[in-house]
Amino acid sequence: MTAPRARRTVPTLPVSRDGTLTRAVVLSAALGLIDRDGADGLSMRRLARELGRDPMTLYRHAPNKAALLEAVAETVLAELEVDLTDPDWASQLRQVARQYRRLALAHPNVVPLLVTLPLSTPLALRPRGVLRPLEDIVELLMGAGFAGADALHIYRALFGFLHGHVLNELQELVENPDETDDLLRLGLHRLPIGEFPRLRSLAPVLASYDGGAELERGLDILLAGLGTMARRADRPPSAPVVQGPNGVGTDRAATR
């Protein structure tokens, strides 16, 4: 089970020498508020109050709350690094996945933004920082020999898996922490045994959930499949078969 995470507090933030707020300071304060109270707890007025400023001063840095949330997502994703010089693409994708999980655990209230932003904003209109991981991973994979379409498919498969994983890991699994029986701790005793016998029988497994280990296991399966794809791509295409005069298939190369 994932250890409980301490609630974050909004830090005291510096301003520039002339007393004006910088965009970085505004976004840092916004991230702190979201970490503490969730995206629904963020408003331009409340952020201004945290910073001790008039709300109108914030509109120089973000025209509205939606733009502010996009910028916060961009700020978090800026910490996700892809090493384009790594010759082992599979190892690098594993490192990216581990980084993403660490960011998700550090900023759990930002995860819904990271998951839903691609669904609500056309690709070309997303913040450049949000697009950077996509660009870098496609560059890494194409440098490793994958075709562009395959590289894009791999990116989508990887982040589809990561989004599902972090959402699953962050959800509350324990109903009664003081219970010693796994079935009772998870509240699975409420499920009729005649309808959910398998799920109830898996109570010990569910109770011993380890997010880090689960991530590695999922990556093993995903990367093994991608490795097979890569090996197939390295094979030369099969010689096409043509019909000979007697109707028997022959290797076209052999008829040259």
Protein backbone atom coordinates (compact mmCIF):
# COMPACT_ATOMS: atom_id res chain seq x y z
CA MET A 1 0.00 0.00 0.00
CA THR A 2 1.18 3.55 -0.69
CA ALA A 3 2.22 5.41 2.40
CA PRO A 4 0.01 8.39 3.34
CA ARG A 5 1.22 11.64 1.81
CA ALA A 6 1.57 14.75 3.93
CA ARG A 7 -0.54 17.72 2.92
CA ARG A 8 1.50 20.46 1.32
CA THR A 9 1.42 24.07 2.42
CA VAL A 10 1.83 27.11 0.24
CA PRO A 11 5.37 28.43 0.76
CA THR A 12 6.32 32.05 1.26
CA LEU A 13 7.26 33.20 -2.21
CA PRO A 14 9.71 35.90 -3.25
CA VAL A 15 8.92 38.74 -5.61
CA SER A 16 11.18 40.67 -7.94
CA ARG A 17 13.26 43.59 -6.68
CA ASP A 18 10.73 46.15 -7.86
CA GLY A 19 7.95 44.34 -6.00
CA THR A 20 6.21 42.86 -9.05
CA LEU A 21 5.16 39.23 -9.21
CA THR A 22 6.84 36.97 -11.74
CA ARG A 23 5.01 34.25 -13.66
CA ALA A 24 7.13 31.61 -11.92
CA VAL A 25 6.05 32.88 -8.49
CA VAL A 26 2.38 32.94 -9.50
CA LEU A 27 2.53 29.38 -10.87
CA SER A 28 4.41 28.12 -7.83
CA ALA A 29 1.71 29.55 -5.56
CA ALA A 30 -1.02 28.09 -7.76
CA LEU A 31 0.60 24.66 -7.62
CA GLY A 32 0.84 24.93 -3.85
CA LEU A 33 -2.86 25.70 -3.59
CA ILE A 34 -3.78 22.79 -5.85
CA ASP A 35 -1.51 20.44 -3.89
CA ARG A 36 -3.26 21.51 -0.70
CA ASP A 37 -6.89 21.93 -1.73
CA GLY A 38 -7.26 20.47 -5.24
CA ALA A 39 -8.00 22.19 -8.53
CA ASP A 40 -11.51 23.13 -7.36
CA GLY A 41 -9.93 25.09 -4.51
CA LEU A 42 -8.03 27.32 -6.93
CA SER A 43 -9.48 30.64 -8.06
CA MET A 44 -7.90 33.85 -9.21
CA ARG A 45 -9.25 35.66 -6.17
CA ARG A 46 -8.00 33.06 -3.71
CA LEU A 47 -4.59 32.91 -5.38
CA ALA A 48 -4.33 36.68 -5.19
CA ARG A 49 -5.17 36.51 -1.49
CA GLU A 50 -2.41 33.94 -0.92
CA LEU A 51 0.04 36.25 -2.68
CA GLY A 52 -1.26 39.36 -0.94
CA ARG A 53 -2.11 41.05 -4.23
CA ASP A 54 -5.06 42.46 -6.11
CA PRO A 55 -6.64 39.76 -8.32
CA MET A 56 -6.27 41.99 -11.37
CA THR A 57 -2.48 41.68 -11.17
CA LEU A 58 -2.73 37.94 -11.88
CA TYR A 59 -4.33 38.45 -15.27
CA ARG A 60 -0.98 39.63 -16.60
CA HIS A 61 0.21 36.03 -16.19
CA ALA A 62 -2.96 34.03 -17.02
CA PRO A 63 -6.16 35.29 -18.68
CA ASN A 64 -8.39 32.91 -16.74
CA LYS A 65 -8.42 29.90 -14.44
CA ALA A 66 -8.33 27.41 -17.33
CA ALA A 67 -5.11 28.95 -18.65
CA LEU A 68 -3.70 28.94 -15.12
CA LEU A 69 -4.43 25.22 -14.76
CA GLU A 70 -2.75 24.50 -18.10
CA ALA A 71 0.30 26.44 -16.97
CA VAL A 72 0.44 24.48 -13.71
CA ALA A 73 0.36 21.21 -15.68
CA GLU A 74 3.15 22.58 -17.85
CA THR A 75 5.17 23.45 -14.74
CA VAL A 76 4.87 19.92 -13.36
CA LEU A 77 5.69 18.24 -16.69
CA ALA A 78 8.78 20.45 -17.03
CA GLU A 79 10.32 18.17 -14.39
CA LEU A 80 9.91 15.14 -16.67
CA GLU A 81 13.22 14.62 -18.45
CA VAL A 82 13.89 12.40 -21.48
CA ASP A 83 17.55 11.60 -22.18
CA LEU A 84 17.74 11.62 -25.98
CA THR A 85 21.35 10.37 -25.84
CA ASP A 86 20.43 7.09 -24.08
CA PRO A 87 21.16 4.25 -26.55
CA ASP A 88 18.78 1.94 -24.66
CA TRP A 89 15.32 3.24 -25.57
CA ALA A 90 13.51 0.70 -23.40
CA SER A 91 15.54 1.63 -20.33
CA GLN A 92 14.90 5.31 -20.99
CA LEU A 93 11.14 4.76 -21.26
CA ARG A 94 11.28 2.94 -17.93
CA GLN A 95 13.08 5.92 -16.39
CA VAL A 96 10.46 8.29 -17.80
CA ALA A 97 7.69 6.12 -16.33
CA ARG A 98 9.34 6.15 -12.91
CA GLN A 99 9.72 9.93 -13.06
CA TYR A 100 6.08 10.33 -14.02
CA ARG A 101 4.97 8.22 -11.08
CA ARG A 102 7.14 10.27 -8.69
CA LEU A 103 5.59 13.48 -10.01
CA ALA A 104 2.10 12.01 -9.61
CA LEU A 105 2.76 11.03 -6.00
CA ALA A 106 4.27 14.45 -5.26
CA HIS A 107 1.32 16.29 -6.85
CA PRO A 108 -1.68 13.93 -6.71
CA ASN A 109 -4.19 16.74 -7.18
CA VAL A 110 -2.53 17.68 -10.47
CA VAL A 111 -2.92 14.19 -11.94
CA PRO A 112 -6.50 14.78 -13.17
CA LEU A 113 -5.19 17.80 -15.11
CA LEU A 114 -2.43 15.74 -16.70
CA VAL A 115 -4.88 13.01 -17.69
CA THR A 116 -7.73 15.18 -18.98
CA LEU A 117 -5.79 18.01 -20.65
CA PRO A 118 -5.13 15.98 -23.84
CA LEU A 119 -8.87 15.24 -24.04
CA SER A 120 -9.98 18.85 -23.71
CA THR A 121 -7.41 20.74 -25.77
CA PRO A 122 -6.45 20.24 -29.44
CA LEU A 123 -2.87 19.15 -29.87
CA ALA A 124 -1.56 22.38 -31.42
CA LEU A 125 -3.25 24.53 -28.75
CA ARG A 126 -1.67 22.81 -25.78
CA PRO A 127 1.13 24.60 -23.91
CA ARG A 128 4.54 23.91 -25.42
CA GLY A 129 5.76 22.39 -22.16
CA VAL A 130 2.90 19.89 -22.21
CA LEU A 131 3.92 18.81 -25.71
CA ARG A 132 7.62 18.48 -24.87
CA PRO A 133 7.46 14.88 -23.50
CA LEU A 134 5.63 13.79 -26.66
CA GLU A 135 8.21 15.43 -28.93
CA ASP A 136 11.14 14.04 -26.95
CA ILE A 137 9.85 10.47 -26.72
CA VAL A 138 9.04 10.36 -30.44
CA GLU A 139 12.54 11.72 -31.12
CA LEU A 140 14.07 9.06 -28.84
CA LEU A 141 12.18 6.22 -30.54
CA MET A 142 12.74 7.41 -34.10
CA GLY A 143 16.44 7.71 -33.26
CA ALA A 144 16.27 4.07 -32.15
CA GLY A 145 14.91 3.06 -35.56
CA PHE A 146 11.14 3.11 -35.08
CA ALA A 147 8.99 4.62 -37.80
CA GLY A 148 7.24 7.85 -36.83
CA ALA A 149 3.80 6.21 -36.68
CA ASP A 150 5.13 3.40 -34.48
CA ALA A 151 6.88 5.91 -32.19
CA LEU A 152 3.61 7.80 -31.74
CA HIS A 153 1.75 4.55 -31.04
CA ILE A 154 4.33 3.61 -28.39
CA TYR A 155 4.01 7.01 -26.72
CA ARG A 156 0.23 6.63 -26.55
CA ALA A 157 0.49 3.09 -25.18
CA LEU A 158 3.04 4.15 -22.54
CA PHE A 159 1.09 7.16 -21.27
CA GLY A 160 -2.22 5.34 -21.49
CA PHE A 161 -0.72 2.76 -19.14
CA LEU A 162 0.85 5.43 -16.88
CA HIS A 163 -2.37 7.41 -16.54
CA GLY A 164 -4.30 4.30 -15.60
CA HIS A 165 -1.60 3.23 -13.17
CA VAL A 166 -1.30 6.50 -11.25
CA LEU A 167 -5.08 6.95 -11.03
CA ASN A 168 -5.35 3.43 -9.64
CA GLU A 169 -2.49 3.94 -7.19
CA LEU A 170 -3.83 7.23 -5.89
CA GLN A 171 -7.32 5.98 -5.16
CA GLU A 172 -8.17 5.09 -1.59
CA LEU A 173 -8.16 1.31 -1.16
CA VAL A 174 -8.59 0.92 2.59
CA GLU A 175 -11.98 1.48 4.18
CA ASN A 176 -11.15 0.46 7.75
CA PRO A 177 -7.37 0.79 8.40
CA ASP A 178 -7.68 -0.57 11.95
CA GLU A 179 -9.10 -3.91 10.79
CA THR A 180 -6.66 -6.83 10.64
CA ASP A 181 -8.75 -8.93 8.26
CA ASP A 182 -8.07 -7.90 4.66
CA LEU A 183 -11.68 -8.47 3.61
CA LEU A 184 -12.87 -6.08 6.31
CA ARG A 185 -10.06 -3.54 5.81
CA LEU A 186 -11.01 -3.09 2.16
CA GLY A 187 -14.74 -3.24 2.77
CA LEU A 188 -15.06 -6.16 0.37
CA HIS A 189 -17.28 -8.00 2.88
CA ARG A 190 -20.07 -5.72 1.61
CA LEU A 191 -20.00 -7.46 -1.78
CA PRO A 192 -22.32 -10.49 -2.07
CA ILE A 193 -20.11 -13.57 -2.19
CA GLY A 194 -22.42 -15.18 -4.74
CA GLU A 195 -21.83 -12.31 -7.18
CA PHE A 196 -18.17 -11.45 -6.51
CA PRO A 197 -16.39 -14.60 -5.30
CA ARG A 198 -13.19 -13.90 -7.25
CA LEU A 199 -12.86 -10.30 -6.10
CA ARG A 200 -13.42 -11.25 -2.48
CA SER A 201 -10.85 -14.04 -2.75
CA LEU A 202 -8.25 -11.52 -3.95
CA ALA A 203 -8.54 -9.39 -0.79
CA PRO A 204 -5.02 -10.28 0.45
CA VAL A 205 -3.51 -9.36 -2.93
CA LEU A 206 -5.41 -6.08 -3.09
CA ALA A 207 -4.45 -5.24 0.48
CA SER A 208 -0.75 -5.77 -0.23
CA TYR A 209 -0.78 -3.48 -3.29
CA ASP A 210 2.64 -1.92 -3.95
CA GLY A 211 2.51 0.91 -6.47
CA GLY A 212 6.19 0.79 -7.34
CA ALA A 213 6.23 -2.96 -7.87
CA GLU A 214 2.99 -2.80 -9.85
CA LEU A 215 4.47 -0.16 -12.13
CA GLU A 216 7.56 -2.27 -12.81
CA ARG A 217 5.48 -5.35 -13.55
CA GLY A 218 3.29 -3.44 -15.99
CA LEU A 219 6.36 -1.96 -17.68
CA ASP A 220 7.89 -5.42 -18.02
CA ILE A 221 4.83 -6.55 -19.97
CA LEU A 222 4.59 -3.38 -22.07
CA LEU A 223 8.28 -3.13 -22.93
CA ALA A 224 8.51 -6.83 -23.74
CA GLY A 225 5.82 -6.34 -26.36
CA LEU A 226 7.50 -3.23 -27.72
CA GLY A 227 10.81 -5.09 -27.89
CA THR A 228 9.16 -7.73 -30.04
CA MET A 229 7.86 -4.98 -32.31
CA ALA A 230 11.35 -3.53 -32.58
CA ARG A 231 12.90 -6.90 -33.48
CA ARG A 232 10.30 -7.47 -36.19
CA ALA A 233 11.02 -4.03 -37.61
CA ASP A 234 14.71 -4.92 -37.88
CA ARG A 235 14.02 -7.96 -40.07
CA PRO A 236 14.30 -7.51 -43.82
CA PRO A 237 10.94 -7.76 -45.60
CA SER A 238 10.08 -11.16 -47.01
CA ALA A 239 10.66 -11.53 -50.74
CA PRO A 240 7.30 -11.36 -52.56
CA VAL A 241 6.09 -14.55 -54.20
CA VAL A 242 5.13 -14.47 -57.87
CA GLN A 243 3.40 -17.09 -59.96
CA GLY A 244 5.65 -19.05 -62.33
CA PRO A 245 4.65 -20.24 -65.80
CA ASN A 246 3.34 -23.49 -64.37
CA GLY A 247 1.37 -21.74 -61.66
CA VAL A 248 3.89 -22.63 -58.93
CA GLY A 249 4.88 -19.82 -56.59
CA THR A 250 8.51 -18.74 -56.91
CA ASP A 251 10.72 -16.28 -55.07
CA ARG A 252 10.90 -13.16 -57.22
CA ALA A 253 14.57 -12.69 -56.29
CA ALA A 254 15.36 -16.15 -57.65
CA THR A 255 13.87 -15.31 -61.06
CA ARG A 256 16.19 -12.36 -61.58
